[in-house]
Amino acid sequence: MAQKKNTDQVEVVKNETTKNAGGEGQIVDGIYTEREVELINGVKVDIEVIVDRDMLPASVSSLAHEGNIEGMLMAQLTAKTRKLLDWTGATRKDLHEVIGPVVQRATELADK
């Protein structure tokens, strides 16, 4: 019979890498990158999210005030990612179902 091991010690490990359904994400220089994220049309792209609040475009405050959620999501993406999403045919559905969760994971990891 196996013995149950009890201990009062807890090891806390800070890891800035996360594994999730979309892949593996890392924060480097204020930018969270998640590789091989699959869009609804089947195309896989790397998504880069700006997590350093000081690096965000000035328009983010205005978009937040207006309640423009889609605009806020797009503003948090790097220019490279925004162009890539246009080229690969990303839709509003991608923005809500694929990109939104990536931005949320990026924000959660940055806040740790």
PDB file of N, CA and C in Angstrom:
ATOM      1  N   MET A   1       0.838  -1.177   0.000  1.00  0.00           N
ATOM      2  CA  MET A   1       0.000   0.000   0.000  1.00  0.00           C
ATOM      3  C   MET A   1       0.888   1.248   0.000  1.00  0.00           C
ATOM      4  N   ALA A   2       0.512   2.220  -0.809  1.00  0.00           N
ATOM      5  CA  ALA A   2       1.291   3.453  -0.924  1.00  0.00           C
ATOM      6  C   ALA A   2       1.053   4.337   0.287  1.00  0.00           C
ATOM      7  N   GLN A   3       2.122   5.020   0.697  1.00  0.00           N
ATOM      8  CA  GLN A   3       2.009   5.930   1.828  1.00  0.00           C
ATOM      9  C   GLN A   3       1.735   7.341   1.332  1.00  0.00           C
ATOM     10  N   LYS A   4       0.908   8.023   2.048  1.00  0.00           N
ATOM     11  CA  LYS A   4       0.609   9.407   1.714  1.00  0.00           C
ATOM     12  C   LYS A   4       1.709  10.293   2.286  1.00  0.00           C
ATOM     13  N   LYS A   5       2.235  11.178   1.448  1.00  0.00           N
ATOM     14  CA  LYS A   5       3.321  12.055   1.869  1.00  0.00           C
ATOM     15  C   LYS A   5       2.746  13.427   2.215  1.00  0.00           C
ATOM     16  N   ASN A   6       2.921  13.834   3.449  1.00  0.00           N
ATOM     17  CA  ASN A   6       2.433  15.136   3.904  1.00  0.00           C
ATOM     18  C   ASN A   6       3.612  16.058   4.167  1.00  0.00           C
ATOM     19  N   THR A   7       3.447  17.300   3.805  1.00  0.00           N
ATOM     20  CA  THR A   7       4.479  18.289   4.086  1.00  0.00           C
ATOM     21  C   THR A   7       3.828  19.655   4.245  1.00  0.00           C
ATOM     22  N   ASP A   8       4.465  20.506   5.027  1.00  0.00           N
ATOM     23  CA  ASP A   8       3.978  21.868   5.212  1.00  0.00           C
ATOM     24  C   ASP A   8       4.755  22.856   4.355  1.00  0.00           C
ATOM     25  N   GLN A   9       5.703  22.362   3.589  1.00  0.00           N
ATOM     26  CA  GLN A   9       6.530  23.235   2.773  1.00  0.00           C
ATOM     27  C   GLN A   9       5.925  23.390   1.383  1.00  0.00           C
ATOM     28  N   VAL A  10       5.972  24.625   0.905  1.00  0.00           N
ATOM     29  CA  VAL A  10       5.466  24.929  -0.427  1.00  0.00           C
ATOM     30  C   VAL A  10       6.579  25.604  -1.206  1.00  0.00           C
ATOM     31  N   GLU A  11       6.803  25.156  -2.406  1.00  0.00           N
ATOM     32  CA  GLU A  11       7.804  25.782  -3.261  1.00  0.00           C
ATOM     33  C   GLU A  11       7.077  26.655  -4.270  1.00  0.00           C
ATOM     34  N   VAL A  12       7.398  27.940  -4.276  1.00  0.00           N
ATOM     35  CA  VAL A  12       6.786  28.881  -5.208  1.00  0.00           C
ATOM     36  C   VAL A  12       7.763  29.108  -6.346  1.00  0.00           C
ATOM     37  N   VAL A  13       7.294  28.863  -7.556  1.00  0.00           N
ATOM     38  CA  VAL A  13       8.134  29.012  -8.738  1.00  0.00           C
ATOM     39  C   VAL A  13       7.496  30.045  -9.645  1.00  0.00           C
ATOM     40  N   LYS A  14       8.252  31.080 -10.007  1.00  0.00           N
ATOM     41  CA  LYS A  14       7.741  32.089 -10.937  1.00  0.00           C
ATOM     42  C   LYS A  14       8.207  31.712 -12.329  1.00  0.00           C
ATOM     43  N   ASN A  15       7.262  31.467 -13.190  1.00  0.00           N
ATOM     44  CA  ASN A  15       7.572  31.065 -14.559  1.00  0.00           C
ATOM     45  C   ASN A  15       6.846  32.007 -15.496  1.00  0.00           C
ATOM     46  N   GLU A  16       7.574  32.636 -16.386  1.00  0.00           N
ATOM     47  CA  GLU A  16       6.950  33.555 -17.332  1.00  0.00           C
ATOM     48  C   GLU A  16       6.635  32.875 -18.652  1.00  0.00           C
ATOM     49  N   THR A  17       6.471  31.583 -18.626  1.00  0.00           N
ATOM     50  CA  THR A  17       6.064  30.834 -19.803  1.00  0.00           C
ATOM     51  C   THR A  17       4.784  30.110 -19.439  1.00  0.00           C
ATOM     52  N   THR A  18       3.831  30.108 -20.346  1.00  0.00           N
ATOM     53  CA  THR A  18       2.577  29.424 -20.091  1.00  0.00           C
ATOM     54  C   THR A  18       2.240  28.507 -21.258  1.00  0.00           C
ATOM     55  N   LYS A  19       1.700  27.335 -20.945  1.00  0.00           N
ATOM     56  CA  LYS A  19       1.230  26.434 -21.995  1.00  0.00           C
ATOM     57  C   LYS A  19      -0.286  26.492 -21.985  1.00  0.00           C
ATOM     58  N   ASN A  20      -0.873  26.511 -23.152  1.00  0.00           N
ATOM     59  CA  ASN A  20      -2.322  26.612 -23.254  1.00  0.00           C
ATOM     60  C   ASN A  20      -2.766  25.998 -24.571  1.00  0.00           C
ATOM     61  N   ALA A  21      -4.044  26.070 -24.822  1.00  0.00           N
ATOM     62  CA  ALA A  21      -4.588  25.476 -26.046  1.00  0.00           C
ATOM     63  C   ALA A  21      -4.014  26.123 -27.297  1.00  0.00           C
ATOM     64  N   GLY A  22      -3.649  27.390 -27.215  1.00  0.00           N
ATOM     65  CA  GLY A  22      -3.119  28.095 -28.373  1.00  0.00           C
ATOM     66  C   GLY A  22      -1.642  27.897 -28.580  1.00  0.00           C
ATOM     67  N   GLY A  23      -0.959  27.331 -27.634  1.00  0.00           N
ATOM     68  CA  GLY A  23       0.474  27.148 -27.766  1.00  0.00           C
ATOM     69  C   GLY A  23       1.195  27.574 -26.515  1.00  0.00           C
ATOM     70  N   GLU A  24       2.401  28.044 -26.686  1.00  0.00           N
ATOM     71  CA  GLU A  24       3.236  28.444 -25.565  1.00  0.00           C
ATOM     72  C   GLU A  24       3.507  29.932 -25.683  1.00  0.00           C
ATOM     73  N   GLY A  25       3.358  30.659 -24.594  1.00  0.00           N
ATOM     74  CA  GLY A  25       3.571  32.093 -24.646  1.00  0.00           C
ATOM     75  C   GLY A  25       4.716  32.543 -23.765  1.00  0.00           C
ATOM     76  N   GLN A  26       5.404  33.603 -24.195  1.00  0.00           N
ATOM     77  CA  GLN A  26       6.512  34.170 -23.438  1.00  0.00           C
ATOM     78  C   GLN A  26       6.460  35.687 -23.507  1.00  0.00           C
ATOM     79  N   ILE A  27       6.959  36.325 -22.445  1.00  0.00           N
ATOM     80  CA  ILE A  27       7.079  37.779 -22.441  1.00  0.00           C
ATOM     81  C   ILE A  27       8.551  38.135 -22.578  1.00  0.00           C
ATOM     82  N   VAL A  28       8.854  38.935 -23.588  1.00  0.00           N
ATOM     83  CA  VAL A  28      10.209  39.431 -23.808  1.00  0.00           C
ATOM     84  C   VAL A  28      10.106  40.915 -24.159  1.00  0.00           C
ATOM     85  N   ASP A  29      10.787  41.751 -23.399  1.00  0.00           N
ATOM     86  CA  ASP A  29      10.813  43.203 -23.641  1.00  0.00           C
ATOM     87  C   ASP A  29       9.417  43.820 -23.740  1.00  0.00           C
ATOM     88  N   GLY A  30       8.526  43.414 -22.849  1.00  0.00           N
ATOM     89  CA  GLY A  30       7.192  44.006 -22.808  1.00  0.00           C
ATOM     90  C   GLY A  30       6.226  43.497 -23.861  1.00  0.00           C
ATOM     91  N   ILE A  31       6.634  42.446 -24.603  1.00  0.00           N
ATOM     92  CA  ILE A  31       5.767  41.879 -25.646  1.00  0.00           C
ATOM     93  C   ILE A  31       5.575  40.389 -25.379  1.00  0.00           C
ATOM     94  N   TYR A  32       4.308  39.991 -25.280  1.00  0.00           N
ATOM     95  CA  TYR A  32       3.951  38.581 -25.109  1.00  0.00           C
ATOM     96  C   TYR A  32       3.779  37.987 -26.497  1.00  0.00           C
ATOM     97  N   THR A  33       4.431  36.865 -26.743  1.00  0.00           N
ATOM     98  CA  THR A  33       4.320  36.201 -28.043  1.00  0.00           C
ATOM     99  C   THR A  33       3.802  34.790 -27.840  1.00  0.00           C
ATOM    100  N   GLU A  34       2.762  34.468 -28.577  1.00  0.00           N
ATOM    101  CA  GLU A  34       2.212  33.114 -28.580  1.00  0.00           C
ATOM    102  C   GLU A  34       2.318  32.604 -30.009  1.00  0.00           C
ATOM    103  N   ARG A  35       2.990  31.501 -30.188  1.00  0.00           N
ATOM    104  CA  ARG A  35       3.290  30.978 -31.524  1.00  0.00           C
ATOM    105  C   ARG A  35       2.249  29.959 -31.996  1.00  0.00           C
ATOM    106  N   GLU A  36       2.085  29.931 -33.321  1.00  0.00           N
ATOM    107  CA  GLU A  36       1.228  28.928 -33.972  1.00  0.00           C
ATOM    108  C   GLU A  36      -0.212  28.948 -33.453  1.00  0.00           C
ATOM    109  N   VAL A  37      -0.780  30.129 -33.322  1.00  0.00           N
ATOM    110  CA  VAL A  37      -2.182  30.262 -32.924  1.00  0.00           C
ATOM    111  C   VAL A  37      -3.025  30.055 -34.175  1.00  0.00           C
ATOM    112  N   GLU A  38      -3.980  29.139 -34.094  1.00  0.00           N
ATOM    113  CA  GLU A  38      -4.788  28.812 -35.273  1.00  0.00           C
ATOM    114  C   GLU A  38      -6.034  29.684 -35.348  1.00  0.00           C
ATOM    115  N   LEU A  39      -6.161  30.379 -36.470  1.00  0.00           N
ATOM    116  CA  LEU A  39      -7.347  31.188 -36.716  1.00  0.00           C
ATOM    117  C   LEU A  39      -8.491  30.281 -37.157  1.00  0.00           C
ATOM    118  N   ILE A  40      -9.683  30.825 -37.228  1.00  0.00           N
ATOM    119  CA  ILE A  40     -10.858  30.045 -37.605  1.00  0.00           C
ATOM    120  C   ILE A  40     -10.728  29.478 -39.010  1.00  0.00           C
ATOM    121  N   ASN A  41     -10.025  30.195 -39.905  1.00  0.00           N
ATOM    122  CA  ASN A  41      -9.859  29.705 -41.277  1.00  0.00           C
ATOM    123  C   ASN A  41      -8.741  28.667 -41.406  1.00  0.00           C
ATOM    124  N   GLY A  42      -8.129  28.280 -40.281  1.00  0.00           N
ATOM    125  CA  GLY A  42      -7.112  27.232 -40.284  1.00  0.00           C
ATOM    126  C   GLY A  42      -5.682  27.723 -40.410  1.00  0.00           C
ATOM    127  N   VAL A  43      -5.495  29.006 -40.676  1.00  0.00           N
ATOM    128  CA  VAL A  43      -4.150  29.570 -40.802  1.00  0.00           C
ATOM    129  C   VAL A  43      -3.545  29.723 -39.407  1.00  0.00           C
ATOM    130  N   LYS A  44      -2.271  29.344 -39.274  1.00  0.00           N
ATOM    131  CA  LYS A  44      -1.573  29.488 -37.991  1.00  0.00           C
ATOM    132  C   LYS A  44      -0.655  30.700 -38.057  1.00  0.00           C
ATOM    133  N   VAL A  45      -0.756  31.552 -37.045  1.00  0.00           N
ATOM    134  CA  VAL A  45       0.040  32.781 -36.997  1.00  0.00           C
ATOM    135  C   VAL A  45       0.636  32.963 -35.600  1.00  0.00           C
ATOM    136  N   ASP A  46       1.696  33.746 -35.532  1.00  0.00           N
ATOM    137  CA  ASP A  46       2.268  34.147 -34.253  1.00  0.00           C
ATOM    138  C   ASP A  46       1.589  35.447 -33.839  1.00  0.00           C
ATOM    139  N   ILE A  47       1.095  35.490 -32.610  1.00  0.00           N
ATOM    140  CA  ILE A  47       0.404  36.668 -32.103  1.00  0.00           C
ATOM    141  C   ILE A  47       1.309  37.360 -31.085  1.00  0.00           C
ATOM    142  N   GLU A  48       1.549  38.656 -31.296  1.00  0.00           N
ATOM    143  CA  GLU A  48       2.346  39.459 -30.369  1.00  0.00           C
ATOM    144  C   GLU A  48       1.440  40.497 -29.714  1.00  0.00           C
ATOM    145  N   VAL A  49       1.440  40.499 -28.377  1.00  0.00           N
ATOM    146  CA  VAL A  49       0.597  41.408 -27.606  1.00  0.00           C
ATOM    147  C   VAL A  49       1.494  42.316 -26.769  1.00  0.00           C
ATOM    148  N   ILE A  50       1.237  43.605 -26.821  1.00  0.00           N
ATOM    149  CA  ILE A  50       1.992  44.563 -26.016  1.00  0.00           C
ATOM    150  C   ILE A  50       1.450  44.505 -24.589  1.00  0.00           C
ATOM    151  N   VAL A  51       2.293  44.089 -23.639  1.00  0.00           N
ATOM    152  CA  VAL A  51       1.849  43.991 -22.245  1.00  0.00           C
ATOM    153  C   VAL A  51       2.430  45.095 -21.370  1.00  0.00           C
ATOM    154  N   ASP A  52       3.423  45.808 -21.865  1.00  0.00           N
ATOM    155  CA  ASP A  52       3.981  46.952 -21.146  1.00  0.00           C
ATOM    156  C   ASP A  52       3.075  48.150 -21.417  1.00  0.00           C
ATOM    157  N   ARG A  53       2.349  48.589 -20.411  1.00  0.00           N
ATOM    158  CA  ARG A  53       1.349  49.657 -20.582  1.00  0.00           C
ATOM    159  C   ARG A  53       1.952  50.939 -21.173  1.00  0.00           C
ATOM    160  N   ASP A  54       3.216  51.200 -20.886  1.00  0.00           N
ATOM    161  CA  ASP A  54       3.858  52.412 -21.407  1.00  0.00           C
ATOM    162  C   ASP A  54       4.129  52.330 -22.904  1.00  0.00           C
ATOM    163  N   MET A  55       4.098  51.136 -23.472  1.00  0.00           N
ATOM    164  CA  MET A  55       4.360  50.954 -24.903  1.00  0.00           C
ATOM    165  C   MET A  55       3.084  50.972 -25.746  1.00  0.00           C
ATOM    166  N   LEU A  56       1.918  50.971 -25.089  1.00  0.00           N
ATOM    167  CA  LEU A  56       0.651  50.946 -25.823  1.00  0.00           C
ATOM    168  C   LEU A  56       0.432  52.254 -26.575  1.00  0.00           C
ATOM    169  N   PRO A  57      -0.259  52.187 -27.719  1.00  0.00           N
ATOM    170  CA  PRO A  57      -0.559  53.415 -28.465  1.00  0.00           C
ATOM    171  C   PRO A  57      -1.416  54.366 -27.624  1.00  0.00           C
ATOM    172  N   ALA A  58      -1.275  55.646 -27.868  1.00  0.00           N
ATOM    173  CA  ALA A  58      -2.026  56.658 -27.119  1.00  0.00           C
ATOM    174  C   ALA A  58      -3.533  56.501 -27.302  1.00  0.00           C
ATOM    175  N   SER A  59      -3.963  55.918 -28.404  1.00  0.00           N
ATOM    176  CA  SER A  59      -5.395  55.780 -28.700  1.00  0.00           C
ATOM    177  C   SER A  59      -6.103  54.784 -27.788  1.00  0.00           C
ATOM    178  N   VAL A  60      -5.370  53.973 -27.039  1.00  0.00           N
ATOM    179  CA  VAL A  60      -5.996  52.963 -26.178  1.00  0.00           C
ATOM    180  C   VAL A  60      -6.916  53.620 -25.150  1.00  0.00           C
ATOM    181  N   SER A  61      -6.490  54.711 -24.555  1.00  0.00           N
ATOM    182  CA  SER A  61      -7.321  55.403 -23.559  1.00  0.00           C
ATOM    183  C   SER A  61      -8.624  55.883 -24.174  1.00  0.00           C
ATOM    184  N   SER A  62      -8.539  56.441 -25.358  1.00  0.00           N
ATOM    185  CA  SER A  62      -9.721  56.925 -26.062  1.00  0.00           C
ATOM    186  C   SER A  62     -10.663  55.767 -26.390  1.00  0.00           C
ATOM    187  N   LEU A  63     -10.095  54.658 -26.861  1.00  0.00           N
ATOM    188  CA  LEU A  63     -10.904  53.485 -27.204  1.00  0.00           C
ATOM    189  C   LEU A  63     -11.589  52.916 -25.966  1.00  0.00           C
ATOM    190  N   ALA A  64     -10.879  52.904 -24.852  1.00  0.00           N
ATOM    191  CA  ALA A  64     -11.458  52.408 -23.600  1.00  0.00           C
ATOM    192  C   ALA A  64     -12.615  53.299 -23.167  1.00  0.00           C
ATOM    193  N   HIS A  65     -12.438  54.602 -23.283  1.00  0.00           N
ATOM    194  CA  HIS A  65     -13.485  55.551 -22.906  1.00  0.00           C
ATOM    195  C   HIS A  65     -14.734  55.361 -23.770  1.00  0.00           C
ATOM    196  N   GLU A  66     -14.530  55.063 -25.055  1.00  0.00           N
ATOM    197  CA  GLU A  66     -15.644  54.850 -25.978  1.00  0.00           C
ATOM    198  C   GLU A  66     -16.286  53.478 -25.796  1.00  0.00           C
ATOM    199  N   GLY A  67     -15.599  52.572 -25.112  1.00  0.00           N
ATOM    200  CA  GLY A  67     -16.100  51.210 -24.959  1.00  0.00           C
ATOM    201  C   GLY A  67     -15.904  50.376 -26.207  1.00  0.00           C
ATOM    202  N   ASN A  68     -14.934  50.743 -27.026  1.00  0.00           N
ATOM    203  CA  ASN A  68     -14.649  50.037 -28.278  1.00  0.00           C
ATOM    204  C   ASN A  68     -13.734  48.844 -27.988  1.00  0.00           C
ATOM    205  N   ILE A  69     -14.338  47.714 -27.651  1.00  0.00           N
ATOM    206  CA  ILE A  69     -13.590  46.521 -27.250  1.00  0.00           C
ATOM    207  C   ILE A  69     -12.717  46.006 -28.387  1.00  0.00           C
ATOM    208  N   GLU A  70     -13.266  45.932 -29.586  1.00  0.00           N
ATOM    209  CA  GLU A  70     -12.487  45.425 -30.723  1.00  0.00           C
ATOM    210  C   GLU A  70     -11.284  46.318 -31.001  1.00  0.00           C
ATOM    211  N   GLY A  71     -11.485  47.610 -30.932  1.00  0.00           N
ATOM    212  CA  GLY A  71     -10.390  48.548 -31.141  1.00  0.00           C
ATOM    213  C   GLY A  71      -9.321  48.413 -30.069  1.00  0.00           C
ATOM    214  N   MET A  72      -9.751  48.202 -28.827  1.00  0.00           N
ATOM    215  CA  MET A  72      -8.798  48.025 -27.735  1.00  0.00           C
ATOM    216  C   MET A  72      -7.975  46.755 -27.925  1.00  0.00           C
ATOM    217  N   LEU A  73      -8.624  45.682 -28.360  1.00  0.00           N
ATOM    218  CA  LEU A  73      -7.891  44.435 -28.623  1.00  0.00           C
ATOM    219  C   LEU A  73      -6.851  44.645 -29.713  1.00  0.00           C
ATOM    220  N   MET A  74      -7.252  45.286 -30.799  1.00  0.00           N
ATOM    221  CA  MET A  74      -6.329  45.519 -31.910  1.00  0.00           C
ATOM    222  C   MET A  74      -5.186  46.446 -31.500  1.00  0.00           C
ATOM    223  N   ALA A  75      -5.476  47.444 -30.670  1.00  0.00           N
ATOM    224  CA  ALA A  75      -4.443  48.389 -30.248  1.00  0.00           C
ATOM    225  C   ALA A  75      -3.380  47.714 -29.387  1.00  0.00           C
ATOM    226  N   GLN A  76      -3.747  46.628 -28.713  1.00  0.00           N
ATOM    227  CA  GLN A  76      -2.788  45.921 -27.870  1.00  0.00           C
ATOM    228  C   GLN A  76      -1.875  44.990 -28.667  1.00  0.00           C
ATOM    229  N   LEU A  77      -2.199  44.769 -29.941  1.00  0.00           N
ATOM    230  CA  LEU A  77      -1.362  43.924 -30.794  1.00  0.00           C
ATOM    231  C   LEU A  77      -0.266  44.769 -31.426  1.00  0.00           C
ATOM    232  N   THR A  78       0.870  44.146 -31.715  1.00  0.00           N
ATOM    233  CA  THR A  78       1.943  44.876 -32.395  1.00  0.00           C
ATOM    234  C   THR A  78       1.519  45.160 -33.829  1.00  0.00           C
ATOM    235  N   ALA A  79       2.159  46.148 -34.446  1.00  0.00           N
ATOM    236  CA  ALA A  79       1.849  46.503 -35.839  1.00  0.00           C
ATOM    237  C   ALA A  79       2.068  45.300 -36.754  1.00  0.00           C
ATOM    238  N   LYS A  80       3.107  44.544 -36.494  1.00  0.00           N
ATOM    239  CA  LYS A  80       3.403  43.347 -37.291  1.00  0.00           C
ATOM    240  C   LYS A  80       2.237  42.355 -37.227  1.00  0.00           C
ATOM    241  N   THR A  81       1.709  42.132 -36.032  1.00  0.00           N
ATOM    242  CA  THR A  81       0.598  41.189 -35.866  1.00  0.00           C
ATOM    243  C   THR A  81      -0.663  41.709 -36.539  1.00  0.00           C
ATOM    244  N   ARG A  82      -0.940  43.007 -36.423  1.00  0.00           N
ATOM    245  CA  ARG A  82      -2.134  43.574 -37.069  1.00  0.00           C
ATOM    246  C   ARG A  82      -2.071  43.375 -38.578  1.00  0.00           C
ATOM    247  N   LYS A  83      -0.910  43.636 -39.172  1.00  0.00           N
ATOM    248  CA  LYS A  83      -0.751  43.439 -40.619  1.00  0.00           C
ATOM    249  C   LYS A  83      -0.905  41.971 -40.982  1.00  0.00           C
ATOM    250  N   LEU A  84      -0.302  41.105 -40.192  1.00  0.00           N
ATOM    251  CA  LEU A  84      -0.366  39.666 -40.448  1.00  0.00           C
ATOM    252  C   LEU A  84      -1.809  39.161 -40.397  1.00  0.00           C
ATOM    253  N   LEU A  85      -2.584  39.659 -39.448  1.00  0.00           N
ATOM    254  CA  LEU A  85      -3.990  39.255 -39.353  1.00  0.00           C
ATOM    255  C   LEU A  85      -4.777  39.707 -40.575  1.00  0.00           C
ATOM    256  N   ASP A  86      -4.476  40.893 -41.083  1.00  0.00           N
ATOM    257  CA  ASP A  86      -5.128  41.363 -42.312  1.00  0.00           C
ATOM    258  C   ASP A  86      -4.759  40.475 -43.489  1.00  0.00           C
ATOM    259  N   TRP A  87      -3.485  40.166 -43.620  1.00  0.00           N
ATOM    260  CA  TRP A  87      -3.010  39.354 -44.750  1.00  0.00           C
ATOM    261  C   TRP A  87      -3.558  37.933 -44.720  1.00  0.00           C
ATOM    262  N   THR A  88      -3.780  37.390 -43.532  1.00  0.00           N
ATOM    263  CA  THR A  88      -4.243  36.003 -43.434  1.00  0.00           C
ATOM    264  C   THR A  88      -5.761  35.882 -43.446  1.00  0.00           C
ATOM    265  N   GLY A  89      -6.456  37.000 -43.529  1.00  0.00           N
ATOM    266  CA  GLY A  89      -7.911  36.957 -43.635  1.00  0.00           C
ATOM    267  C   GLY A  89      -8.629  36.775 -42.312  1.00  0.00           C
ATOM    268  N   ALA A  90      -8.054  37.278 -41.233  1.00  0.00           N
ATOM    269  CA  ALA A  90      -8.713  37.179 -39.930  1.00  0.00           C
ATOM    270  C   ALA A  90     -10.008  37.988 -39.944  1.00  0.00           C
ATOM    271  N   THR A  91     -11.002  37.500 -39.223  1.00  0.00           N
ATOM    272  CA  THR A  91     -12.319  38.138 -39.176  1.00  0.00           C
ATOM    273  C   THR A  91     -12.626  38.639 -37.767  1.00  0.00           C
ATOM    274  N   ARG A  92     -13.762  39.299 -37.624  1.00  0.00           N
ATOM    275  CA  ARG A  92     -14.197  39.740 -36.290  1.00  0.00           C
ATOM    276  C   ARG A  92     -14.406  38.540 -35.376  1.00  0.00           C
ATOM    277  N   LYS A  93     -14.847  37.432 -35.950  1.00  0.00           N
ATOM    278  CA  LYS A  93     -15.032  36.219 -35.152  1.00  0.00           C
ATOM    279  C   LYS A  93     -13.686  35.764 -34.582  1.00  0.00           C
ATOM    280  N   ASP A  94     -12.616  35.845 -35.397  1.00  0.00           N
ATOM    281  CA  ASP A  94     -11.271  35.528 -34.902  1.00  0.00           C
ATOM    282  C   ASP A  94     -10.899  36.462 -33.756  1.00  0.00           C
ATOM    283  N   LEU A  95     -11.241  37.725 -33.917  1.00  0.00           N
ATOM    284  CA  LEU A  95     -10.899  38.716 -32.907  1.00  0.00           C
ATOM    285  C   LEU A  95     -11.515  38.351 -31.556  1.00  0.00           C
ATOM    286  N   HIS A  96     -12.757  37.905 -31.575  1.00  0.00           N
ATOM    287  CA  HIS A  96     -13.441  37.573 -30.324  1.00  0.00           C
ATOM    288  C   HIS A  96     -13.082  36.188 -29.795  1.00  0.00           C
ATOM    289  N   GLU A  97     -12.997  35.194 -30.665  1.00  0.00           N
ATOM    290  CA  GLU A  97     -12.819  33.811 -30.218  1.00  0.00           C
ATOM    291  C   GLU A  97     -11.366  33.356 -30.123  1.00  0.00           C
ATOM    292  N   VAL A  98     -10.469  33.995 -30.854  1.00  0.00           N
ATOM    293  CA  VAL A  98      -9.072  33.554 -30.873  1.00  0.00           C
ATOM    294  C   VAL A  98      -8.147  34.617 -30.275  1.00  0.00           C
ATOM    295  N   ILE A  99      -8.207  35.824 -30.789  1.00  0.00           N
ATOM    296  CA  ILE A  99      -7.296  36.889 -30.365  1.00  0.00           C
ATOM    297  C   ILE A  99      -7.615  37.360 -28.943  1.00  0.00           C
ATOM    298  N   GLY A 100      -8.888  37.516 -28.626  1.00  0.00           N
ATOM    299  CA  GLY A 100      -9.287  37.961 -27.285  1.00  0.00           C
ATOM    300  C   GLY A 100      -8.704  37.098 -26.173  1.00  0.00           C
ATOM    301  N   PRO A 101      -8.852  35.767 -26.258  1.00  0.00           N
ATOM    302  CA  PRO A 101      -8.254  34.911 -25.230  1.00  0.00           C
ATOM    303  C   PRO A 101      -6.725  35.010 -25.158  1.00  0.00           C
ATOM    304  N   VAL A 102      -6.070  35.215 -26.294  1.00  0.00           N
ATOM    305  CA  VAL A 102      -4.607  35.374 -26.288  1.00  0.00           C
ATOM    306  C   VAL A 102      -4.238  36.650 -25.537  1.00  0.00           C
ATOM    307  N   VAL A 103      -4.956  37.741 -25.805  1.00  0.00           N
ATOM    308  CA  VAL A 103      -4.702  39.008 -25.116  1.00  0.00           C
ATOM    309  C   VAL A 103      -4.952  38.843 -23.619  1.00  0.00           C
ATOM    310  N   GLN A 104      -5.992  38.101 -23.261  1.00  0.00           N
ATOM    311  CA  GLN A 104      -6.298  37.873 -21.847  1.00  0.00           C
ATOM    312  C   GLN A 104      -5.180  37.081 -21.170  1.00  0.00           C
ATOM    313  N   ARG A 105      -4.691  36.027 -21.835  1.00  0.00           N
ATOM    314  CA  ARG A 105      -3.585  35.244 -21.265  1.00  0.00           C
ATOM    315  C   ARG A 105      -2.342  36.114 -21.103  1.00  0.00           C
ATOM    316  N   ALA A 106      -2.086  36.975 -22.080  1.00  0.00           N
ATOM    317  CA  ALA A 106      -0.929  37.872 -22.018  1.00  0.00           C
ATOM    318  C   ALA A 106      -1.044  38.809 -20.818  1.00  0.00           C
ATOM    319  N   THR A 107      -2.218  39.374 -20.640  1.00  0.00           N
ATOM    320  CA  THR A 107      -2.445  40.300 -19.530  1.00  0.00           C
ATOM    321  C   THR A 107      -2.294  39.594 -18.192  1.00  0.00           C
ATOM    322  N   GLU A 108      -2.856  38.396 -18.081  1.00  0.00           N
ATOM    323  CA  GLU A 108      -2.754  37.637 -16.833  1.00  0.00           C
ATOM    324  C   GLU A 108      -1.306  37.290 -16.511  1.00  0.00           C
ATOM    325  N   LEU A 109      -0.545  36.885 -17.510  1.00  0.00           N
ATOM    326  CA  LEU A 109       0.855  36.530 -17.287  1.00  0.00           C
ATOM    327  C   LEU A 109       1.665  37.763 -16.902  1.00  0.00           C
ATOM    328  N   ALA A 110       1.382  38.889 -17.518  1.00  0.00           N
ATOM    329  CA  ALA A 110       2.115  40.124 -17.217  1.00  0.00           C
ATOM    330  C   ALA A 110       1.806  40.635 -15.813  1.00  0.00           C
ATOM    331  N   ASP A 111       0.595  40.372 -15.328  1.00  0.00           N
ATOM    332  CA  ASP A 111       0.187  40.854 -14.009  1.00  0.00           C
ATOM    333  C   ASP A 111       0.737  40.011 -12.866  1.00  0.00           C
ATOM    334  N   LYS A 112       1.298  38.857 -13.175  1.00  0.00           N
ATOM    335  CA  LYS A 112       1.824  37.976 -12.117  1.00  0.00           C
ATOM    336  C   LYS A 112       3.064  38.539 -11.491  1.00  0.00           C
TER     337      LYS A 112
END
